[in-house]
Structure formats: structure tokens, C-alpha cells
Amino acid sequence: MSDYSKPLPDIDDETRPFWDGALREELRMQKCSRCGHIRYPISRICPDCLEPGHEWVPLSGRGEVYSSIVFHQVYDKAFADDVPYNVSLVQLDEGPRMFSNVVGVPPSEVTVGARVRVVFDRVTEEVAIPRFTPEEQ
């Protein structure tokens, strides 16, 4: 795992609960203490009611592909061996949308509306990246 050469997230006190959850193969996001809005990306205040208070809650990790694009061009040499790959926007069942990749199918076969579930790609000892795979039918 130490030979991972792609960009890694900057993990700090604010984002650590998300990344610690990912290491345990659990998708966790902030839930507002006042209005219950589940927010992503991570934020110091709720975008709905401006409350700073929140708790970290586990999500189902299920959703559907809202949008997807296939990259054929190498924009960063760290991803050269992955071309072509998809970048997909997943609408989670609990509300937030999350950019990631859909894995387990050819990039060109990722379709809008497809049901997906989260999987975790352990790229280093400290980082597991949430990705998505088609749900079992």
C-alpha cells in the first residue's frame, strides 16, 4: 500500500471522523443538531439553518448515479494507468450527493439512474477511499 502515488486527502480534526469511518468501511456524514440536515461536503455550519452543532452518523451507502462522465484524457500523470475512468455524482438515499467512481463495470457502462452501493478502496494504512459499485439485483 505504501506505493500509492495518487493524491491523498488532507486529514485534519474536522475531516477525521469521515476518514476514520471509511477505514472501518462505514460511510459517515455530519447531521445537523438543529434541523437534521445531512451535509456533505464537510462543513463547520449547516447550509440549511446555519447551526454549527452536528453529530457524525452512519449512512446506508446506497444511492443512484445522478451524473457520470468518462475521462479519456490524462490530466494528471498519476491517473495515466486508469484511463479511461469514470467520475460519477452519486445521489445518496439520505440526501447528499457525492463525487466518486463507479467500479466493477466498464466506465462506459455506468448509467444515470443505476442503483449503487459504497465500497471502500484501502489505498494506504490511513486512507480508504469511498467508491461505488452496482447494487446486486
Protein backbone atom coordinates (compact mmCIF):
# COMPACT_ATOMS: atom_id res chain seq x y z
CA MET A 1 0.00 0.00 0.00
CA SER A 2 2.92 2.37 0.52
CA ASP A 3 3.48 2.70 -3.24
CA TYR A 4 0.21 4.60 -3.77
CA SER A 5 1.18 7.62 -5.92
CA LYS A 6 -2.16 9.40 -6.44
CA PRO A 7 -3.27 12.46 -4.46
CA LEU A 8 -4.43 11.77 -0.91
CA PRO A 9 -6.88 13.77 1.22
CA ASP A 10 -5.66 16.26 3.80
CA ILE A 11 -6.98 14.74 7.01
CA ASP A 12 -7.44 17.14 9.90
CA ASP A 13 -9.58 17.32 13.05
CA GLU A 14 -12.60 18.47 11.03
CA THR A 15 -12.47 15.67 8.42
CA ARG A 16 -11.05 12.85 10.58
CA PRO A 17 -14.46 11.33 11.54
CA PHE A 18 -15.26 10.86 7.83
CA TRP A 19 -11.92 9.18 7.06
CA ASP A 20 -11.88 7.11 10.26
CA GLY A 21 -15.32 5.82 9.29
CA ALA A 22 -14.07 4.95 5.81
CA LEU A 23 -11.24 2.89 7.35
CA ARG A 24 -13.97 0.92 9.18
CA GLU A 25 -15.87 0.61 5.85
CA GLU A 26 -18.59 2.93 7.10
CA LEU A 27 -19.82 5.99 5.19
CA ARG A 28 -20.31 8.71 7.82
CA MET A 29 -21.51 12.27 7.36
CA GLN A 30 -22.48 15.20 9.52
CA LYS A 31 -26.10 15.52 10.67
CA CYS A 32 -27.23 18.95 11.89
CA SER A 33 -28.18 19.07 15.58
CA ARG A 34 -30.98 21.55 14.91
CA CYS A 35 -32.69 20.65 11.62
CA GLY A 36 -31.36 17.13 10.93
CA HIS A 37 -29.93 18.01 7.50
CA ILE A 38 -27.22 15.55 6.47
CA ARG A 39 -24.43 17.56 4.96
CA TYR A 40 -21.65 16.83 2.56
CA PRO A 41 -19.12 18.14 1.87
CA ILE A 42 -17.94 18.52 5.45
CA SER A 43 -18.74 21.97 6.80
CA ARG A 44 -18.49 23.94 10.03
CA ILE A 45 -22.11 25.10 9.75
CA CYS A 46 -25.31 23.66 8.34
CA PRO A 47 -26.08 25.11 4.89
CA ASP A 48 -29.83 24.91 5.65
CA CYS A 49 -30.16 26.55 9.09
CA LEU A 50 -26.61 27.83 9.83
CA GLU A 51 -26.34 25.75 13.03
CA PRO A 52 -22.74 24.82 13.87
CA GLY A 53 -23.72 21.81 16.01
CA HIS A 54 -23.72 18.37 14.44
CA GLU A 55 -23.14 14.68 15.04
CA TRP A 56 -21.48 12.13 12.79
CA VAL A 57 -23.93 9.47 11.63
CA PRO A 58 -23.51 6.32 9.55
CA LEU A 59 -25.34 6.24 6.21
CA SER A 60 -26.57 3.25 4.25
CA GLY A 61 -24.03 3.90 1.49
CA ARG A 62 -26.73 3.29 -1.12
CA GLY A 63 -27.90 5.62 -3.83
CA GLU A 64 -28.13 6.13 -7.55
CA VAL A 65 -25.95 7.59 -10.24
CA TYR A 66 -27.08 11.18 -10.78
CA SER A 67 -24.47 12.00 -13.44
CA SER A 68 -21.36 10.38 -14.88
CA ILE A 69 -18.59 11.20 -17.33
CA VAL A 70 -15.78 9.09 -18.74
CA PHE A 71 -12.30 10.61 -18.79
CA HIS A 72 -10.20 9.54 -21.78
CA GLN A 73 -7.61 12.31 -21.45
CA VAL A 74 -4.77 12.16 -18.93
CA TYR A 75 -4.99 15.37 -16.89
CA ASP A 76 -2.74 14.15 -14.08
CA LYS A 77 0.01 11.62 -14.79
CA ALA A 78 -0.81 9.81 -11.53
CA PHE A 79 -4.03 8.61 -13.21
CA ALA A 80 -2.49 7.66 -16.57
CA ASP A 81 -2.87 3.91 -15.97
CA ASP A 82 -6.57 4.35 -15.11
CA VAL A 83 -7.68 5.98 -18.38
CA PRO A 84 -10.46 5.57 -19.30
CA TYR A 85 -12.20 6.02 -15.93
CA ASN A 86 -15.50 7.49 -14.79
CA VAL A 87 -16.21 10.30 -12.39
CA SER A 88 -19.75 9.97 -11.14
CA LEU A 89 -22.04 12.06 -8.98
CA VAL A 90 -23.99 9.72 -6.69
CA GLN A 91 -27.26 10.83 -5.10
CA LEU A 92 -27.23 9.09 -1.72
CA ASP A 93 -30.54 7.77 -0.38
CA GLU A 94 -30.14 10.02 2.69
CA GLY A 95 -29.92 13.18 0.58
CA PRO A 96 -26.34 14.32 -0.07
CA ARG A 97 -24.61 13.99 -3.42
CA MET A 98 -21.06 12.72 -3.58
CA PHE A 99 -18.47 12.64 -6.39
CA SER A 100 -16.61 9.36 -6.71
CA ASN A 101 -16.07 6.50 -9.16
CA VAL A 102 -18.29 3.56 -10.01
CA VAL A 103 -16.12 0.45 -10.06
CA GLY A 104 -16.81 -3.12 -11.12
CA VAL A 105 -18.20 -2.21 -14.55
CA PRO A 106 -16.60 -0.69 -17.64
CA PRO A 107 -16.62 3.13 -17.36
CA SER A 108 -18.81 3.49 -20.46
CA GLU A 109 -21.49 1.24 -18.91
CA VAL A 110 -22.17 3.48 -15.91
CA THR A 111 -25.69 4.83 -16.46
CA VAL A 112 -27.68 7.61 -14.86
CA GLY A 113 -30.26 6.14 -12.51
CA ALA A 114 -28.28 2.96 -11.82
CA ARG A 115 -28.51 1.83 -8.20
CA VAL A 116 -25.13 1.67 -6.45
CA ARG A 117 -23.66 0.91 -3.03
CA VAL A 118 -20.48 2.13 -1.40
CA VAL A 119 -17.30 0.06 -1.28
CA PHE A 120 -14.01 1.17 0.23
CA ASP A 121 -10.67 1.16 -1.56
CA ARG A 122 -7.94 0.91 1.11
CA VAL A 123 -5.10 2.78 -0.62
CA THR A 124 -2.80 3.29 2.40
CA GLU A 125 -2.79 2.30 6.06
CA GLU A 126 -4.50 5.64 6.88
CA VAL A 127 -6.84 6.13 3.90
CA ALA A 128 -9.74 4.18 2.45
CA ILE A 129 -11.49 5.94 -0.44
CA PRO A 130 -15.25 5.52 -0.84
CA ARG A 131 -16.18 4.31 -4.30
CA PHE A 132 -19.40 2.79 -5.59
CA THR A 133 -20.34 -0.45 -7.28
CA PRO A 134 -23.63 -1.57 -8.84
CA GLU A 135 -26.14 -2.99 -6.34
CA GLU A 136 -26.91 -6.67 -6.60
CA GLN A 137 -30.15 -7.22 -8.50
